[in-house]
Amino acid sequence: MIFRKIFNAFGFYFSWWMCVLGVVKFNFPYLGPIVMLFYIVSHLLMIKNKKKESILLLLAGIFGLVVDSLKSFSGFITYNGIFVENFAPLWIIAMWIGFSATINHSGDWVKQRYLIAIFLGIIFGPLNYLAGNKMGALSLNWDLNLSVIILAIIWGISVPALYFLAYKINSNNN
């Protein structure tokens, strides 16, 4: 049990770094998604309820595609390593999927603690984008303070929404 949680957390963070480094260091934006795919497949092989977890991962990927494509389309963020103009790049969608793979596992301590989920989103969402901006994976195109506020709102909603989605999927008896 503890090994799976450690693997889950480490696998996500390693894959997250590969997503960023693939774009900024190796000029290969598909490195991160490929590494994330191996992480996700390994993750799914280790867990019991593959169907419910797969539904969560798919829906989180779609959610991330919509949210980050809106950021791109609005001109708020410019991503490096894009495949289709004004759409979120594959590497950022892979991050959404990877993060959602932690919700029922290494991040299960947050389940149904929505105030904690909001707080985590408000703090760590903007920090991740600021790191991506500083490293050159993306560009925040608006005023920095406004960007942080917008990202805090988006992630303050997104993190508890993903936890709620996981709760609904897991409470479904199918």
Protein backbone atom coordinates (compact mmCIF):
# COMPACT_ATOMS: atom_id res chain seq x y z
CA MET A 1 0.00 0.00 0.00
CA ILE A 2 2.68 2.52 0.99
CA PHE A 3 4.83 1.53 -2.01
CA ARG A 4 1.92 2.27 -4.35
CA LYS A 5 1.38 5.70 -2.79
CA ILE A 6 5.08 6.53 -3.03
CA PHE A 7 5.18 5.30 -6.64
CA ASN A 8 2.02 7.28 -7.37
CA ALA A 9 3.43 10.55 -6.02
CA PHE A 10 6.95 10.07 -7.37
CA GLY A 11 5.68 8.91 -10.77
CA PHE A 12 3.51 11.98 -11.14
CA TYR A 13 6.23 14.46 -10.12
CA PHE A 14 8.86 12.77 -12.29
CA SER A 15 6.47 12.80 -15.24
CA TRP A 16 5.54 16.44 -14.53
CA TRP A 17 9.22 17.38 -14.73
CA MET A 18 9.63 15.43 -17.96
CA CYS A 19 6.70 17.38 -19.43
CA VAL A 20 8.41 20.69 -18.65
CA LEU A 21 11.95 19.59 -19.49
CA GLY A 22 10.82 18.00 -22.73
CA VAL A 23 9.65 21.44 -23.84
CA VAL A 24 12.39 23.66 -22.43
CA LYS A 25 15.56 21.54 -22.36
CA PHE A 26 15.19 18.82 -24.96
CA ASN A 27 13.02 20.63 -27.52
CA PHE A 28 10.87 17.49 -27.60
CA PRO A 29 7.38 18.34 -26.28
CA TYR A 30 6.29 14.71 -26.56
CA LEU A 31 8.85 13.46 -24.02
CA GLY A 32 6.61 14.32 -21.05
CA PRO A 33 3.44 12.82 -22.51
CA ILE A 34 5.34 9.61 -23.36
CA VAL A 35 6.76 9.37 -19.83
CA MET A 36 3.33 10.23 -18.40
CA LEU A 37 1.79 7.44 -20.49
CA PHE A 38 4.20 4.91 -18.99
CA TYR A 39 3.39 6.25 -15.52
CA ILE A 40 -0.37 6.03 -16.14
CA VAL A 41 -0.16 2.49 -17.55
CA SER A 42 1.96 1.38 -14.57
CA HIS A 43 -0.45 3.13 -12.22
CA LEU A 44 -3.46 1.39 -13.76
CA LEU A 45 -1.73 -1.99 -13.52
CA MET A 46 -1.28 -1.48 -9.75
CA ILE A 47 -4.83 -0.53 -8.81
CA LYS A 48 -8.02 -2.51 -8.40
CA ASN A 49 -10.71 -0.43 -10.05
CA LYS A 50 -9.22 0.33 -13.44
CA LYS A 51 -12.56 1.25 -15.02
CA LYS A 52 -13.48 4.01 -12.57
CA GLU A 53 -9.92 5.32 -12.52
CA SER A 54 -9.79 5.37 -16.33
CA ILE A 55 -13.05 7.35 -16.43
CA LEU A 56 -11.57 9.88 -13.99
CA LEU A 57 -8.37 10.20 -16.04
CA LEU A 58 -10.28 10.66 -19.29
CA LEU A 59 -12.63 13.27 -17.85
CA ALA A 60 -9.74 15.11 -16.18
CA GLY A 61 -7.91 15.17 -19.51
CA ILE A 62 -10.96 16.65 -21.24
CA PHE A 63 -11.43 19.15 -18.41
CA GLY A 64 -7.76 20.17 -18.65
CA LEU A 65 -7.98 20.47 -22.43
CA VAL A 66 -10.94 22.85 -22.12
CA VAL A 67 -9.51 24.92 -19.25
CA ASP A 68 -6.03 25.35 -20.71
CA SER A 69 -7.29 25.84 -24.26
CA LEU A 70 -9.43 28.71 -22.97
CA LYS A 71 -6.31 30.20 -21.37
CA SER A 72 -4.52 29.91 -24.71
CA PHE A 73 -7.44 31.11 -26.85
CA SER A 74 -7.95 34.18 -24.65
CA GLY A 75 -4.29 35.18 -25.00
CA PHE A 76 -3.78 34.79 -21.26
CA ILE A 77 -1.09 32.14 -21.71
CA THR A 78 1.10 31.17 -24.64
CA TYR A 79 2.36 27.60 -24.45
CA ASN A 80 5.52 26.30 -26.03
CA GLY A 81 5.41 22.88 -27.65
CA ILE A 82 1.92 23.29 -29.09
CA PHE A 83 0.57 21.14 -31.87
CA VAL A 84 -2.61 23.08 -32.71
CA GLU A 85 -2.81 26.86 -32.36
CA ASN A 86 -4.99 28.09 -29.44
CA PHE A 87 -5.31 24.60 -27.99
CA ALA A 88 -3.58 23.34 -24.86
CA PRO A 89 -0.48 21.35 -25.74
CA LEU A 90 -0.37 17.62 -25.14
CA TRP A 91 2.19 18.03 -22.36
CA ILE A 92 -0.12 20.20 -20.25
CA ILE A 93 -3.04 17.79 -20.77
CA ALA A 94 -0.74 14.97 -19.68
CA MET A 95 -0.11 16.92 -16.47
CA TRP A 96 -3.85 17.15 -15.79
CA ILE A 97 -4.21 13.41 -16.31
CA GLY A 98 -1.17 12.67 -14.15
CA PHE A 99 -2.46 14.89 -11.36
CA SER A 100 -5.86 13.20 -11.47
CA ALA A 101 -4.10 9.84 -11.05
CA THR A 102 -2.99 11.01 -7.59
CA ILE A 103 -6.47 11.94 -6.34
CA ASN A 104 -7.57 8.46 -5.23
CA HIS A 105 -4.09 7.39 -4.15
CA SER A 106 -1.24 9.57 -2.83
CA GLY A 107 -3.65 12.51 -2.64
CA ASP A 108 -6.51 10.61 -1.03
CA TRP A 109 -5.98 12.44 2.26
CA VAL A 110 -7.69 15.46 0.64
CA LYS A 111 -10.86 13.53 -0.29
CA GLN A 112 -14.02 15.33 0.81
CA ARG A 113 -11.93 18.08 2.41
CA TYR A 114 -12.93 20.66 -0.12
CA LEU A 115 -11.57 23.65 1.78
CA ILE A 116 -8.15 22.00 1.78
CA ALA A 117 -8.55 21.23 -1.94
CA ILE A 118 -9.44 24.89 -2.61
CA PHE A 119 -6.45 26.07 -0.59
CA LEU A 120 -4.08 23.66 -2.37
CA GLY A 121 -5.39 24.82 -5.74
CA ILE A 122 -5.07 28.49 -4.85
CA ILE A 123 -1.46 28.04 -3.73
CA PHE A 124 0.04 25.36 -5.95
CA GLY A 125 -1.83 26.05 -9.19
CA PRO A 126 -0.27 29.49 -9.68
CA LEU A 127 3.11 28.26 -8.40
CA ASN A 128 3.23 25.60 -11.10
CA TYR A 129 2.41 28.10 -13.84
CA LEU A 130 4.90 30.61 -12.45
CA ALA A 131 7.55 27.87 -12.54
CA GLY A 132 6.57 27.01 -16.11
CA ASN A 133 6.77 30.70 -17.03
CA LYS A 134 10.18 31.11 -15.41
CA MET A 135 11.53 27.98 -17.11
CA GLY A 136 10.17 28.98 -20.52
CA ALA A 137 7.53 26.29 -21.01
CA LEU A 138 4.84 28.94 -21.21
CA SER A 139 4.41 32.70 -21.11
CA LEU A 140 2.00 34.54 -18.89
CA ASN A 141 0.90 37.40 -21.15
CA TRP A 142 -1.04 39.53 -18.71
CA ASP A 143 0.06 41.50 -15.67
CA LEU A 144 1.82 39.13 -13.24
CA ASN A 145 -0.37 39.99 -10.24
CA LEU A 146 -3.55 39.62 -12.30
CA SER A 147 -2.23 36.34 -13.73
CA VAL A 148 -1.62 34.93 -10.24
CA ILE A 149 -5.13 35.94 -9.14
CA ILE A 150 -6.73 34.39 -12.22
CA LEU A 151 -4.71 31.18 -11.84
CA ALA A 152 -5.59 31.03 -8.13
CA ILE A 153 -9.29 31.28 -8.99
CA ILE A 154 -9.06 28.70 -11.78
CA TRP A 155 -7.14 26.21 -9.65
CA GLY A 156 -9.13 27.01 -6.51
CA ILE A 157 -12.13 25.75 -8.48
CA SER A 158 -10.40 23.01 -10.53
CA VAL A 159 -8.78 21.03 -7.70
CA PRO A 160 -11.96 20.59 -5.62
CA ALA A 161 -13.91 19.97 -8.84
CA LEU A 162 -11.59 17.09 -9.73
CA TYR A 163 -11.88 15.68 -6.21
CA PHE A 164 -15.66 15.97 -6.41
CA LEU A 165 -15.63 14.26 -9.80
CA ALA A 166 -13.54 11.43 -8.35
CA TYR A 167 -15.97 11.14 -5.43
CA LYS A 168 -18.97 10.92 -7.80
CA ILE A 169 -17.27 8.34 -10.03
CA ASN A 170 -16.21 6.23 -7.04
CA SER A 171 -19.63 6.37 -5.38
CA ASN A 172 -21.31 5.13 -8.56
CA ASN A 173 -22.06 1.43 -8.16
CA ASN A 174 -21.39 0.57 -11.81
